[in-house]
Amino acid sequence: MDEKNCLKVIKFHNLCCKLKKVIRTGWKVWHVEDDRVESIAEHVFGTCMLAVGIMSEIENCNLDENKVIAMIALHETEEILIGDITPYEDEKMKTKKELGKQAVEKLFSQLDGFENFTGLIAEFEECKTPEAKFARMCDKLEAGLQAYMYEDKINYSKIDKKILNNEIIQNAIKNGAKCVGDYFTINDSKLFDQTFKDIAKVAKKYYTNK
């Protein structure tokens, strides 16, 4: 590899490593009070490992495992430039999709694999292929599992009432949600197939009895 291409790799890696220090905004919204709160990069790692675990246990798994992991690894890269926007930021959510598309095009523009990488991200966002649907479910479920892990660190007294009164949360409460992990998994259950619903159900029992 010549020096020019080496530099492209180094600069791209340097940019992506910024996600190691960007704390997941949602945990600030939910007032997780811990010495160290999860970064975006750690969420990506957790989602990849969750995908590996689930694919290993699915009988006759027909997914392209490499594509699943690649989608999970790549889809958060937009947040290097646009930050981590939560569903509760109504105004920002209106432009998130377009801003995200512009961000990944800029991030990958100098790499020879530009079309492949942006294509994988677009496939994830469109969520039509089996791999994209699976990767999306892993992304959602991982957040719920992390919320259960943070349960004893969440200061409910500081959570903005606007968040708790949000339609998403109120619907989850009506459906039996008792904690933030429940809020996540109940709200996302409409996206889950039976495997993911089963894992969410067992996770609730596991973390409640821990």
N, C-alpha and C. Protein backbone atom coordinates (compact mmCIF):
# COMPACT_ATOMS: atom_id res chain seq x y z
N MET A 1 0.85 -1.20 0.00
CA MET A 1 0.00 0.00 0.00
C MET A 1 0.89 1.25 0.00
N ASP A 2 0.60 2.20 -0.87
CA ASP A 2 1.45 3.38 -0.93
C ASP A 2 1.10 4.35 0.21
N GLU A 3 1.95 5.37 0.37
CA GLU A 3 1.79 6.31 1.50
C GLU A 3 0.45 7.04 1.46
N LYS A 4 -0.02 7.38 0.25
CA LYS A 4 -1.29 8.09 0.12
C LYS A 4 -2.44 7.28 0.70
N ASN A 5 -2.49 5.99 0.34
CA ASN A 5 -3.56 5.14 0.84
C ASN A 5 -3.40 4.84 2.33
N CYS A 6 -2.17 4.72 2.77
CA CYS A 6 -1.93 4.53 4.20
C CYS A 6 -2.49 5.70 5.00
N LEU A 7 -2.26 6.92 4.49
CA LEU A 7 -2.76 8.11 5.17
C LEU A 7 -4.29 8.15 5.18
N LYS A 8 -4.93 7.69 4.10
CA LYS A 8 -6.39 7.65 4.06
C LYS A 8 -6.92 6.74 5.16
N VAL A 9 -6.28 5.59 5.34
CA VAL A 9 -6.68 4.64 6.37
C VAL A 9 -6.50 5.25 7.76
N ILE A 10 -5.34 5.86 7.98
CA ILE A 10 -5.03 6.44 9.29
C ILE A 10 -6.01 7.56 9.64
N LYS A 11 -6.29 8.43 8.67
CA LYS A 11 -7.22 9.55 8.92
C LYS A 11 -8.63 9.04 9.19
N PHE A 12 -9.06 8.02 8.45
CA PHE A 12 -10.39 7.46 8.66
C PHE A 12 -10.48 6.81 10.04
N HIS A 13 -9.46 6.06 10.40
CA HIS A 13 -9.43 5.42 11.72
C HIS A 13 -9.46 6.47 12.83
N ASN A 14 -8.69 7.54 12.64
CA ASN A 14 -8.64 8.61 13.63
C ASN A 14 -10.02 9.23 13.85
N LEU A 15 -10.74 9.46 12.76
CA LEU A 15 -12.10 10.00 12.86
C LEU A 15 -13.03 9.05 13.61
N CYS A 16 -12.99 7.78 13.23
CA CYS A 16 -13.90 6.80 13.84
C CYS A 16 -13.64 6.64 15.32
N CYS A 17 -12.39 6.78 15.72
CA CYS A 17 -12.04 6.60 17.14
C CYS A 17 -12.62 7.70 18.02
N LYS A 18 -13.12 8.78 17.41
CA LYS A 18 -13.78 9.82 18.19
C LYS A 18 -15.01 9.26 18.90
N LEU A 19 -15.61 8.22 18.32
CA LEU A 19 -16.82 7.63 18.92
C LEU A 19 -16.52 6.92 20.24
N LYS A 20 -15.23 6.64 20.49
CA LYS A 20 -14.87 6.03 21.78
C LYS A 20 -15.12 6.98 22.94
N LYS A 21 -15.11 8.29 22.63
CA LYS A 21 -15.25 9.29 23.70
C LYS A 21 -16.61 9.98 23.71
N VAL A 22 -17.46 9.64 22.75
CA VAL A 22 -18.79 10.27 22.69
C VAL A 22 -19.78 9.44 23.48
N ILE A 23 -20.25 10.00 24.59
CA ILE A 23 -21.18 9.28 25.46
C ILE A 23 -22.55 9.20 24.79
N ARG A 24 -23.20 8.07 24.93
CA ARG A 24 -24.55 7.89 24.38
C ARG A 24 -25.50 8.90 25.04
N THR A 25 -26.10 9.75 24.23
CA THR A 25 -26.96 10.83 24.73
C THR A 25 -28.11 10.31 25.56
N GLY A 26 -28.65 9.17 25.17
CA GLY A 26 -29.81 8.62 25.88
C GLY A 26 -29.56 8.41 27.37
N TRP A 27 -28.35 8.03 27.72
CA TRP A 27 -28.07 7.78 29.14
C TRP A 27 -28.01 9.08 29.94
N LYS A 28 -27.74 10.19 29.26
CA LYS A 28 -27.83 11.50 29.92
C LYS A 28 -29.29 11.86 30.13
N VAL A 29 -30.11 11.59 29.12
CA VAL A 29 -31.56 11.85 29.21
C VAL A 29 -32.16 11.08 30.38
N TRP A 30 -31.72 9.83 30.56
CA TRP A 30 -32.27 8.99 31.61
C TRP A 30 -31.52 9.12 32.93
N HIS A 31 -30.61 10.05 33.00
CA HIS A 31 -29.86 10.34 34.23
C HIS A 31 -29.22 9.09 34.85
N VAL A 32 -28.45 8.40 34.01
CA VAL A 32 -27.62 7.32 34.53
C VAL A 32 -26.45 7.96 35.25
N GLU A 33 -26.36 7.68 36.55
CA GLU A 33 -25.30 8.28 37.37
C GLU A 33 -24.28 7.21 37.73
N ASP A 34 -23.23 7.19 36.94
CA ASP A 34 -22.18 6.20 37.12
C ASP A 34 -20.84 6.88 36.85
N ASP A 35 -19.76 6.29 37.36
CA ASP A 35 -18.44 6.88 37.14
C ASP A 35 -18.08 6.92 35.66
N ARG A 36 -18.59 5.93 34.93
CA ARG A 36 -18.26 5.84 33.51
C ARG A 36 -19.47 5.32 32.76
N VAL A 37 -19.97 6.12 31.82
CA VAL A 37 -21.17 5.74 31.07
C VAL A 37 -20.76 5.36 29.64
N GLU A 38 -21.52 4.45 29.08
CA GLU A 38 -21.23 3.87 27.76
C GLU A 38 -21.04 4.92 26.66
N SER A 39 -20.04 4.69 25.82
CA SER A 39 -19.82 5.51 24.63
C SER A 39 -20.55 4.89 23.44
N ILE A 40 -20.62 5.63 22.35
CA ILE A 40 -21.23 5.10 21.13
C ILE A 40 -20.46 3.89 20.64
N ALA A 41 -19.13 3.96 20.68
CA ALA A 41 -18.31 2.85 20.21
C ALA A 41 -18.58 1.59 21.04
N GLU A 42 -18.80 1.75 22.33
CA GLU A 42 -19.09 0.59 23.18
C GLU A 42 -20.47 0.00 22.86
N HIS A 43 -21.41 0.86 22.52
CA HIS A 43 -22.72 0.36 22.09
C HIS A 43 -22.57 -0.46 20.81
N VAL A 44 -21.76 0.01 19.88
CA VAL A 44 -21.53 -0.72 18.63
C VAL A 44 -20.93 -2.09 18.93
N PHE A 45 -19.94 -2.12 19.82
CA PHE A 45 -19.31 -3.39 20.21
C PHE A 45 -20.35 -4.33 20.82
N GLY A 46 -21.14 -3.80 21.75
CA GLY A 46 -22.16 -4.62 22.41
C GLY A 46 -23.16 -5.19 21.41
N THR A 47 -23.53 -4.36 20.42
CA THR A 47 -24.49 -4.81 19.41
C THR A 47 -23.89 -5.90 18.54
N CYS A 48 -22.63 -5.74 18.17
CA CYS A 48 -21.95 -6.78 17.39
C CYS A 48 -21.91 -8.11 18.15
N MET A 49 -21.58 -8.05 19.43
CA MET A 49 -21.49 -9.27 20.23
C MET A 49 -22.87 -9.91 20.44
N LEU A 50 -23.88 -9.06 20.58
CA LEU A 50 -25.25 -9.58 20.70
C LEU A 50 -25.64 -10.31 19.41
N ALA A 51 -25.31 -9.71 18.28
CA ALA A 51 -25.61 -10.33 16.99
C ALA A 51 -24.91 -11.68 16.85
N VAL A 52 -23.64 -11.72 17.23
CA VAL A 52 -22.88 -12.98 17.17
C VAL A 52 -23.55 -14.05 18.03
N GLY A 53 -23.93 -13.67 19.24
CA GLY A 53 -24.57 -14.62 20.15
C GLY A 53 -25.90 -15.15 19.61
N ILE A 54 -26.72 -14.24 19.10
CA ILE A 54 -28.03 -14.66 18.59
C ILE A 54 -27.88 -15.53 17.34
N MET A 55 -27.01 -15.11 16.42
CA MET A 55 -26.83 -15.90 15.19
C MET A 55 -26.32 -17.30 15.49
N SER A 56 -25.54 -17.43 16.57
CA SER A 56 -25.00 -18.75 16.91
C SER A 56 -26.10 -19.70 17.42
N GLU A 57 -27.19 -19.13 17.93
CA GLU A 57 -28.25 -19.95 18.53
C GLU A 57 -29.47 -20.13 17.64
N ILE A 58 -29.52 -19.42 16.51
CA ILE A 58 -30.64 -19.57 15.59
C ILE A 58 -30.45 -20.84 14.76
N GLU A 59 -31.44 -21.70 14.81
CA GLU A 59 -31.36 -22.93 14.04
C GLU A 59 -31.48 -22.61 12.55
N ASN A 60 -30.59 -23.18 11.76
CA ASN A 60 -30.57 -22.96 10.31
C ASN A 60 -30.51 -21.46 9.97
N CYS A 61 -29.58 -20.77 10.58
CA CYS A 61 -29.43 -19.33 10.32
C CYS A 61 -28.97 -19.10 8.88
N ASN A 62 -29.79 -18.39 8.13
CA ASN A 62 -29.49 -18.16 6.72
C ASN A 62 -29.00 -16.74 6.44
N LEU A 63 -28.59 -16.05 7.48
CA LEU A 63 -28.12 -14.68 7.31
C LEU A 63 -26.68 -14.63 6.84
N ASP A 64 -26.35 -13.57 6.11
CA ASP A 64 -24.97 -13.30 5.76
C ASP A 64 -24.35 -12.63 6.98
N GLU A 65 -23.65 -13.42 7.78
CA GLU A 65 -23.15 -12.94 9.06
C GLU A 65 -22.17 -11.78 8.90
N ASN A 66 -21.34 -11.82 7.89
CA ASN A 66 -20.37 -10.74 7.67
C ASN A 66 -21.09 -9.43 7.36
N LYS A 67 -22.15 -9.52 6.58
CA LYS A 67 -22.91 -8.31 6.24
C LYS A 67 -23.58 -7.74 7.48
N VAL A 68 -24.13 -8.60 8.32
CA VAL A 68 -24.78 -8.14 9.55
C VAL A 68 -23.79 -7.35 10.41
N ILE A 69 -22.62 -7.94 10.64
CA ILE A 69 -21.62 -7.29 11.49
C ILE A 69 -21.14 -5.99 10.86
N ALA A 70 -20.97 -5.99 9.54
CA ALA A 70 -20.51 -4.77 8.85
C ALA A 70 -21.54 -3.65 9.00
N MET A 71 -22.81 -3.97 8.82
CA MET A 71 -23.86 -2.96 8.98
C MET A 71 -23.85 -2.37 10.39
N ILE A 72 -23.76 -3.24 11.38
CA ILE A 72 -23.76 -2.77 12.77
C ILE A 72 -22.55 -1.88 13.04
N ALA A 73 -21.39 -2.30 12.53
CA ALA A 73 -20.16 -1.54 12.76
C ALA A 73 -20.19 -0.17 12.09
N LEU A 74 -20.87 -0.08 10.94
CA LEU A 74 -20.83 1.14 10.14
C LEU A 74 -21.95 2.14 10.42
N HIS A 75 -23.12 1.66 10.86
CA HIS A 75 -24.29 2.55 10.82
C HIS A 75 -24.24 3.71 11.80
N GLU A 76 -23.42 3.61 12.85
CA GLU A 76 -23.33 4.71 13.82
C GLU A 76 -22.28 5.75 13.44
N THR A 77 -21.54 5.51 12.37
CA THR A 77 -20.44 6.42 12.02
C THR A 77 -20.93 7.83 11.73
N GLU A 78 -22.18 7.99 11.32
CA GLU A 78 -22.72 9.33 11.07
C GLU A 78 -22.62 10.21 12.30
N GLU A 79 -22.64 9.58 13.48
CA GLU A 79 -22.67 10.34 14.73
C GLU A 79 -21.34 11.01 15.04
N ILE A 80 -20.30 10.66 14.29
CA ILE A 80 -19.03 11.38 14.41
C ILE A 80 -19.25 12.85 14.08
N LEU A 81 -20.12 13.12 13.09
CA LEU A 81 -20.35 14.48 12.62
C LEU A 81 -21.65 15.10 13.12
N ILE A 82 -22.69 14.29 13.33
CA ILE A 82 -23.99 14.89 13.71
C ILE A 82 -24.35 14.66 15.17
N GLY A 83 -23.55 13.85 15.88
CA GLY A 83 -23.86 13.57 17.27
C GLY A 83 -24.93 12.51 17.43
N ASP A 84 -25.21 12.16 18.66
CA ASP A 84 -26.19 11.12 18.98
C ASP A 84 -27.54 11.79 19.27
N ILE A 85 -28.44 11.71 18.31
CA ILE A 85 -29.76 12.36 18.42
C ILE A 85 -30.77 11.35 18.94
N THR A 86 -31.48 11.69 20.01
CA THR A 86 -32.45 10.77 20.60
C THR A 86 -33.84 11.00 20.02
N PRO A 87 -34.74 10.00 20.15
CA PRO A 87 -36.11 10.15 19.64
C PRO A 87 -36.90 11.26 20.32
N TYR A 88 -36.39 11.77 21.45
CA TYR A 88 -37.11 12.79 22.20
C TYR A 88 -36.75 14.21 21.77
N GLU A 89 -35.82 14.33 20.80
CA GLU A 89 -35.43 15.63 20.26
C GLU A 89 -36.19 15.84 18.94
N ASP A 90 -37.43 16.25 19.06
CA ASP A 90 -38.35 16.31 17.92
C ASP A 90 -37.80 17.08 16.72
N GLU A 91 -37.27 18.27 16.96
CA GLU A 91 -36.81 19.11 15.86
C GLU A 91 -35.62 18.48 15.14
N LYS A 92 -34.67 17.95 15.92
CA LYS A 92 -33.49 17.33 15.32
C LYS A 92 -33.86 16.06 14.57
N MET A 93 -34.85 15.32 15.07
CA MET A 93 -35.25 14.08 14.42
C MET A 93 -35.79 14.31 13.02
N LYS A 94 -36.35 15.50 12.79
CA LYS A 94 -36.92 15.81 11.47
C LYS A 94 -35.86 15.83 10.38
N THR A 95 -34.64 16.20 10.75
CA THR A 95 -33.57 16.31 9.76
C THR A 95 -32.50 15.23 9.92
N LYS A 96 -32.66 14.35 10.91
CA LYS A 96 -31.63 13.36 11.22
C LYS A 96 -31.28 12.47 10.02
N LYS A 97 -32.28 11.99 9.30
CA LYS A 97 -32.03 11.07 8.20
C LYS A 97 -31.17 11.71 7.12
N GLU A 98 -31.53 12.94 6.72
CA GLU A 98 -30.78 13.62 5.68
C GLU A 98 -29.38 14.01 6.15
N LEU A 99 -29.29 14.49 7.40
CA LEU A 99 -27.98 14.85 7.95
C LEU A 99 -27.08 13.63 8.04
N GLY A 100 -27.68 12.49 8.43
CA GLY A 100 -26.92 11.25 8.53
C GLY A 100 -26.38 10.82 7.18
N LYS A 101 -27.20 10.93 6.15
CA LYS A 101 -26.78 10.55 4.79
C LYS A 101 -25.62 11.43 4.33
N GLN A 102 -25.73 12.72 4.58
CA GLN A 102 -24.65 13.64 4.19
C GLN A 102 -23.37 13.34 4.97
N ALA A 103 -23.53 12.99 6.24
CA ALA A 103 -22.36 12.71 7.09
C ALA A 103 -21.58 11.50 6.61
N VAL A 104 -22.29 10.40 6.32
CA VAL A 104 -21.57 9.19 5.90
C VAL A 104 -20.94 9.37 4.53
N GLU A 105 -21.59 10.14 3.67
CA GLU A 105 -20.99 10.40 2.35
C GLU A 105 -19.68 11.17 2.51
N LYS A 106 -19.66 12.10 3.44
CA LYS A 106 -18.44 12.87 3.69
C LYS A 106 -17.37 12.00 4.34
N LEU A 107 -17.76 11.18 5.30
CA LEU A 107 -16.81 10.35 6.03
C LEU A 107 -16.12 9.33 5.14
N PHE A 108 -16.88 8.72 4.23
CA PHE A 108 -16.35 7.64 3.41
C PHE A 108 -15.86 8.11 2.03
N SER A 109 -15.97 9.39 1.75
CA SER A 109 -15.70 9.91 0.41
C SER A 109 -14.28 9.65 -0.07
N GLN A 110 -13.33 9.57 0.86
CA GLN A 110 -11.94 9.40 0.48
C GLN A 110 -11.51 7.94 0.37
N LEU A 111 -12.40 7.01 0.74
CA LEU A 111 -12.05 5.60 0.70
C LEU A 111 -12.47 4.95 -0.61
N ASP A 112 -11.66 4.01 -1.09
CA ASP A 112 -11.99 3.31 -2.33
C ASP A 112 -13.26 2.48 -2.18
N GLY A 113 -13.57 2.08 -0.94
CA GLY A 113 -14.76 1.27 -0.70
C GLY A 113 -16.01 2.11 -0.46
N PHE A 114 -15.98 3.36 -0.88
CA PHE A 114 -17.08 4.31 -0.64
C PHE A 114 -18.46 3.73 -0.96
N GLU A 115 -18.63 3.23 -2.18
CA GLU A 115 -19.95 2.75 -2.59
C GLU A 115 -20.40 1.54 -1.78
N ASN A 116 -19.47 0.65 -1.48
CA ASN A 116 -19.81 -0.52 -0.68
C ASN A 116 -20.26 -0.12 0.72
N PHE A 117 -19.49 0.75 1.37
CA PHE A 117 -19.79 1.14 2.74
C PHE A 117 -21.08 1.96 2.85
N THR A 118 -21.22 2.95 1.99
CA THR A 118 -22.45 3.75 2.04
C THR A 118 -23.65 2.92 1.62
N GLY A 119 -23.43 1.94 0.75
CA GLY A 119 -24.51 1.04 0.35
C GLY A 119 -24.99 0.20 1.51
N LEU A 120 -24.07 -0.29 2.32
CA LEU A 120 -24.43 -1.09 3.50
C LEU A 120 -25.22 -0.24 4.51
N ILE A 121 -24.78 1.00 4.70
CA ILE A 121 -25.49 1.89 5.62
C ILE A 121 -26.89 2.19 5.11
N ALA A 122 -27.01 2.43 3.80
CA ALA A 122 -28.32 2.69 3.20
C ALA A 122 -29.22 1.47 3.33
N GLU A 123 -28.66 0.28 3.16
CA GLU A 123 -29.42 -0.96 3.31
C GLU A 123 -29.93 -1.11 4.74
N PHE A 124 -29.06 -0.77 5.70
CA PHE A 124 -29.48 -0.82 7.11
C PHE A 124 -30.64 0.15 7.35
N GLU A 125 -30.52 1.37 6.85
CA GLU A 125 -31.54 2.39 7.07
C GLU A 125 -32.86 2.03 6.41
N GLU A 126 -32.81 1.42 5.22
CA GLU A 126 -34.03 1.04 4.52
C GLU A 126 -34.72 -0.13 5.21
N CYS A 127 -33.93 -0.99 5.85
CA CYS A 127 -34.43 -2.09 6.68
C CYS A 127 -35.41 -3.00 5.92
N LYS A 128 -35.00 -3.44 4.75
CA LYS A 128 -35.85 -4.32 3.95
C LYS A 128 -35.28 -5.73 3.80
N THR A 129 -33.97 -5.85 3.80
CA THR A 129 -33.35 -7.18 3.64
C THR A 129 -33.33 -7.91 4.99
N PRO A 130 -33.23 -9.25 4.96
CA PRO A 130 -33.16 -10.00 6.23
C PRO A 130 -32.01 -9.55 7.12
N GLU A 131 -30.85 -9.27 6.51
CA GLU A 131 -29.69 -8.83 7.30
C GLU A 131 -29.92 -7.47 7.94
N ALA A 132 -30.53 -6.56 7.19
CA ALA A 132 -30.80 -5.22 7.73
C ALA A 132 -31.82 -5.28 8.86
N LYS A 133 -32.86 -6.08 8.69
CA LYS A 133 -33.88 -6.21 9.74
C LYS A 133 -33.26 -6.81 10.99
N PHE A 134 -32.42 -7.82 10.82
CA PHE A 134 -31.77 -8.46 11.96
C PHE A 134 -30.84 -7.48 12.66
N ALA A 135 -30.03 -6.76 11.89
CA ALA A 135 -29.10 -5.79 12.48
C ALA A 135 -29.85 -4.71 13.24
N ARG A 136 -30.97 -4.23 12.68
CA ARG A 136 -31.77 -3.21 13.35
C ARG A 136 -32.34 -3.74 14.67
N MET A 137 -32.82 -4.97 14.67
CA MET A 137 -33.36 -5.55 15.91
C MET A 137 -32.27 -5.68 16.96
N CYS A 138 -31.06 -6.07 16.54
CA CYS A 138 -29.94 -6.17 17.48
C CYS A 138 -29.61 -4.81 18.08
N ASP A 139 -29.61 -3.78 17.24
CA ASP A 139 -29.32 -2.42 17.69
C ASP A 139 -30.32 -1.97 18.75
N LYS A 140 -31.59 -2.24 18.51
CA LYS A 140 -32.64 -1.84 19.46
C LYS A 140 -32.57 -2.66 20.74
N LEU A 141 -32.42 -3.97 20.60
CA LEU A 141 -32.41 -4.82 21.79
C LEU A 141 -31.21 -4.54 22.67
N GLU A 142 -30.07 -4.26 22.06
CA GLU A 142 -28.87 -4.00 22.86
C GLU A 142 -29.06 -2.79 23.76
N ALA A 143 -29.76 -1.77 23.27
CA ALA A 143 -30.02 -0.59 24.10
C ALA A 143 -30.90 -0.96 25.30
N GLY A 144 -31.87 -1.82 25.05
CA GLY A 144 -32.73 -2.26 26.15
C GLY A 144 -31.97 -3.07 27.19
N LEU A 145 -31.11 -3.96 26.74
CA LEU A 145 -30.31 -4.77 27.66
C LEU A 145 -29.37 -3.88 28.48
N GLN A 146 -28.79 -2.87 27.84
CA GLN A 146 -27.91 -1.94 28.56
C GLN A 146 -28.69 -1.14 29.59
N ALA A 147 -29.92 -0.78 29.26
CA ALA A 147 -30.77 -0.05 30.20
C ALA A 147 -31.04 -0.90 31.45
N TYR A 148 -31.28 -2.17 31.26
CA TYR A 148 -31.46 -3.07 32.42
C TYR A 148 -30.19 -3.10 33.27
N MET A 149 -29.03 -3.11 32.60
CA MET A 149 -27.76 -3.15 33.34
C MET A 149 -27.53 -1.87 34.14
N TYR A 150 -28.11 -0.77 33.65
CA TYR A 150 -27.94 0.52 34.32
C TYR A 150 -29.03 0.80 35.36
N GLU A 151 -29.98 -0.08 35.52
CA GLU A 151 -31.18 0.23 36.32
C GLU A 151 -30.86 0.81 37.69
N ASP A 152 -29.89 0.23 38.40
CA ASP A 152 -29.60 0.73 39.76
C ASP A 152 -28.78 2.01 39.76
N LYS A 153 -28.43 2.51 38.55
CA LYS A 153 -27.68 3.76 38.44
C LYS A 153 -28.56 4.92 37.96
N ILE A 154 -29.82 4.64 37.65
CA ILE A 154 -30.71 5.66 37.09
C ILE A 154 -31.38 6.45 38.20
N ASN A 155 -31.26 7.78 38.14
CA ASN A 155 -31.88 8.65 39.13
C ASN A 155 -33.22 9.12 38.56
N TYR A 156 -34.27 8.39 38.88
CA TYR A 156 -35.60 8.68 38.32
C TYR A 156 -36.12 10.06 38.73
N SER A 157 -35.67 10.54 39.89
CA SER A 157 -36.17 11.84 40.37
C SER A 157 -35.69 13.00 39.49
N LYS A 158 -34.63 12.78 38.72
CA LYS A 158 -34.08 13.86 37.89
C LYS A 158 -34.53 13.79 36.43
N ILE A 159 -35.24 12.74 36.06
CA ILE A 159 -35.66 12.59 34.67
C ILE A 159 -36.71 13.65 34.34
N ASP A 160 -36.50 14.33 33.24
CA ASP A 160 -37.42 15.39 32.80
C ASP A 160 -38.82 14.83 32.65
N LYS A 161 -39.79 15.51 33.25
CA LYS A 161 -41.18 15.05 33.19
C LYS A 161 -41.69 15.00 31.74
N LYS A 162 -41.11 15.85 30.88
CA LYS A 162 -41.51 15.83 29.47
C LYS A 162 -41.17 14.49 28.83
N ILE A 163 -40.08 13.89 29.30
CA ILE A 163 -39.68 12.58 28.78
C ILE A 163 -40.65 11.51 29.27
N LEU A 164 -40.92 11.52 30.57
CA LEU A 164 -41.81 10.50 31.14
C LEU A 164 -43.23 10.62 30.61
N ASN A 165 -43.63 11.84 30.24
CA ASN A 165 -44.98 12.05 29.70
C ASN A 165 -45.04 11.90 28.19
N ASN A 166 -43.88 11.61 27.58
CA ASN A 166 -43.84 11.40 26.14
C ASN A 166 -44.75 10.22 25.76
N GLU A 167 -45.39 10.34 24.62
CA GLU A 167 -46.35 9.32 24.17
C GLU A 167 -45.71 7.93 24.11
N ILE A 168 -44.45 7.87 23.67
CA ILE A 168 -43.75 6.59 23.57
C ILE A 168 -43.67 5.92 24.94
N ILE A 169 -43.27 6.71 25.95
CA ILE A 169 -43.10 6.17 27.30
C ILE A 169 -44.45 5.83 27.93
N GLN A 170 -45.42 6.70 27.74
CA GLN A 170 -46.74 6.46 28.31
C GLN A 170 -47.37 5.19 27.75
N ASN A 171 -47.17 4.93 26.47
CA ASN A 171 -47.68 3.70 25.86
C ASN A 171 -46.99 2.47 26.45
N ALA A 172 -45.68 2.60 26.70
CA ALA A 172 -44.94 1.49 27.30
C ALA A 172 -45.44 1.21 28.71
N ILE A 173 -45.71 2.29 29.47
CA ILE A 173 -46.22 2.13 30.84
C ILE A 173 -47.58 1.44 30.82
N LYS A 174 -48.42 1.83 29.88
CA LYS A 174 -49.75 1.19 29.76
C LYS A 174 -49.63 -0.30 29.46
N ASN A 175 -48.51 -0.66 28.83
CA ASN A 175 -48.28 -2.06 28.48
C ASN A 175 -47.42 -2.80 29.50
N GLY A 176 -47.28 -2.20 30.70
CA GLY A 176 -46.62 -2.90 31.80
C GLY A 176 -45.20 -2.50 32.11
N ALA A 177 -44.67 -1.47 31.49
CA ALA A 177 -43.29 -1.05 31.75
C ALA A 177 -43.14 -0.52 33.17
N LYS A 178 -42.08 -0.97 33.84
CA LYS A 178 -41.81 -0.54 35.21
C LYS A 178 -40.47 0.18 35.34
N CYS A 179 -39.62 0.05 34.34
CA CYS A 179 -38.28 0.65 34.40
C CYS A 179 -37.83 1.01 32.99
N VAL A 180 -36.68 1.66 32.88
CA VAL A 180 -36.21 2.13 31.58
C VAL A 180 -35.97 0.97 30.61
N GLY A 181 -35.42 -0.14 31.12
CA GLY A 181 -35.23 -1.31 30.27
C GLY A 181 -36.55 -1.79 29.68
N ASP A 182 -37.61 -1.77 30.49
CA ASP A 182 -38.94 -2.12 30.00
C ASP A 182 -39.42 -1.12 28.95
N TYR A 183 -39.17 0.18 29.21
CA TYR A 183 -39.61 1.21 28.25
C TYR A 183 -39.04 0.89 26.87
N PHE A 184 -37.74 0.57 26.85
CA PHE A 184 -37.07 0.31 25.59
C PHE A 184 -37.62 -0.94 24.91
N THR A 185 -37.63 -2.04 25.63
CA THR A 185 -37.97 -3.32 24.99
C THR A 185 -39.45 -3.40 24.62
N ILE A 186 -40.33 -2.80 25.43
CA ILE A 186 -41.75 -2.81 25.09
C ILE A 186 -42.02 -1.94 23.87
N ASN A 187 -41.40 -0.76 23.85
CA ASN A 187 -41.59 0.12 22.70
C ASN A 187 -41.06 -0.51 21.41
N ASP A 188 -39.94 -1.21 21.52
CA ASP A 188 -39.32 -1.79 20.32
C ASP A 188 -39.89 -3.16 19.95
N SER A 189 -40.76 -3.70 20.79
CA SER A 189 -41.30 -5.04 20.52
C SER A 189 -42.03 -5.11 19.18
N LYS A 190 -42.56 -3.97 18.73
CA LYS A 190 -43.26 -3.96 17.44
C LYS A 190 -42.31 -4.22 16.28
N LEU A 191 -41.01 -4.03 16.52
CA LEU A 191 -40.00 -4.27 15.49
C LEU A 191 -39.42 -5.68 15.57
N PHE A 192 -39.64 -6.35 16.71
CA PHE A 192 -38.98 -7.62 17.00
C PHE A 192 -39.71 -8.82 16.40
N ASP A 193 -38.93 -9.80 15.95
CA ASP A 193 -39.53 -11.09 15.61
C ASP A 193 -39.59 -11.91 16.90
N GLN A 194 -40.04 -13.15 16.81
CA GLN A 194 -40.27 -13.92 18.03
C GLN A 194 -38.98 -14.19 18.80
N THR A 195 -37.88 -14.39 18.10
CA THR A 195 -36.60 -14.63 18.78
C THR A 195 -36.24 -13.46 19.67
N PHE A 196 -36.36 -12.26 19.15
CA PHE A 196 -35.99 -11.06 19.92
C PHE A 196 -36.99 -10.79 21.04
N LYS A 197 -38.25 -11.09 20.82
CA LYS A 197 -39.25 -10.96 21.89
C LYS A 197 -38.94 -11.94 23.01
N ASP A 198 -38.52 -13.15 22.65
CA ASP A 198 -38.17 -14.15 23.67
C ASP A 198 -36.98 -13.68 24.50
N ILE A 199 -35.95 -13.15 23.83
CA ILE A 199 -34.76 -12.68 24.55
C ILE A 199 -35.12 -11.52 25.47
N ALA A 200 -35.94 -10.59 24.98
CA ALA A 200 -36.35 -9.45 25.80
C ALA A 200 -37.11 -9.91 27.04
N LYS A 201 -37.97 -10.90 26.87
CA LYS A 201 -38.76 -11.42 27.99
C LYS A 201 -37.87 -12.07 29.04
N VAL A 202 -36.92 -12.87 28.59
CA VAL A 202 -36.00 -13.54 29.52
C VAL A 202 -35.07 -12.53 30.18
N ALA A 203 -34.67 -11.49 29.41
CA ALA A 203 -33.79 -10.45 29.96
C ALA A 203 -34.47 -9.73 31.12
N LYS A 204 -35.73 -9.42 30.95
CA LYS A 204 -36.48 -8.75 32.03
C LYS A 204 -36.45 -9.60 33.29
N LYS A 205 -36.70 -10.89 33.15
CA LYS A 205 -36.68 -11.80 34.29
C LYS A 205 -35.28 -11.91 34.89
N TYR A 206 -34.29 -12.01 34.01
CA TYR A 206 -32.89 -12.17 34.45
C TYR A 206 -32.41 -10.96 35.25
N TYR A 207 -32.65 -9.76 34.74
CA TYR A 207 -32.15 -8.56 35.42
C TYR A 207 -33.00 -8.18 36.62
N THR A 208 -34.27 -8.56 36.62
CA THR A 208 -35.13 -8.29 37.78
C THR A 208 -34.74 -9.15 38.97
N ASN A 209 -34.34 -10.38 38.68
CA ASN A 209 -34.00 -11.33 39.76
C ASN A 209 -32.54 -11.31 40.15
N LYS A 210 -31.75 -10.47 39.46
CA LYS A 210 -30.31 -10.47 39.72
C LYS A 210 -29.99 -9.89 41.09
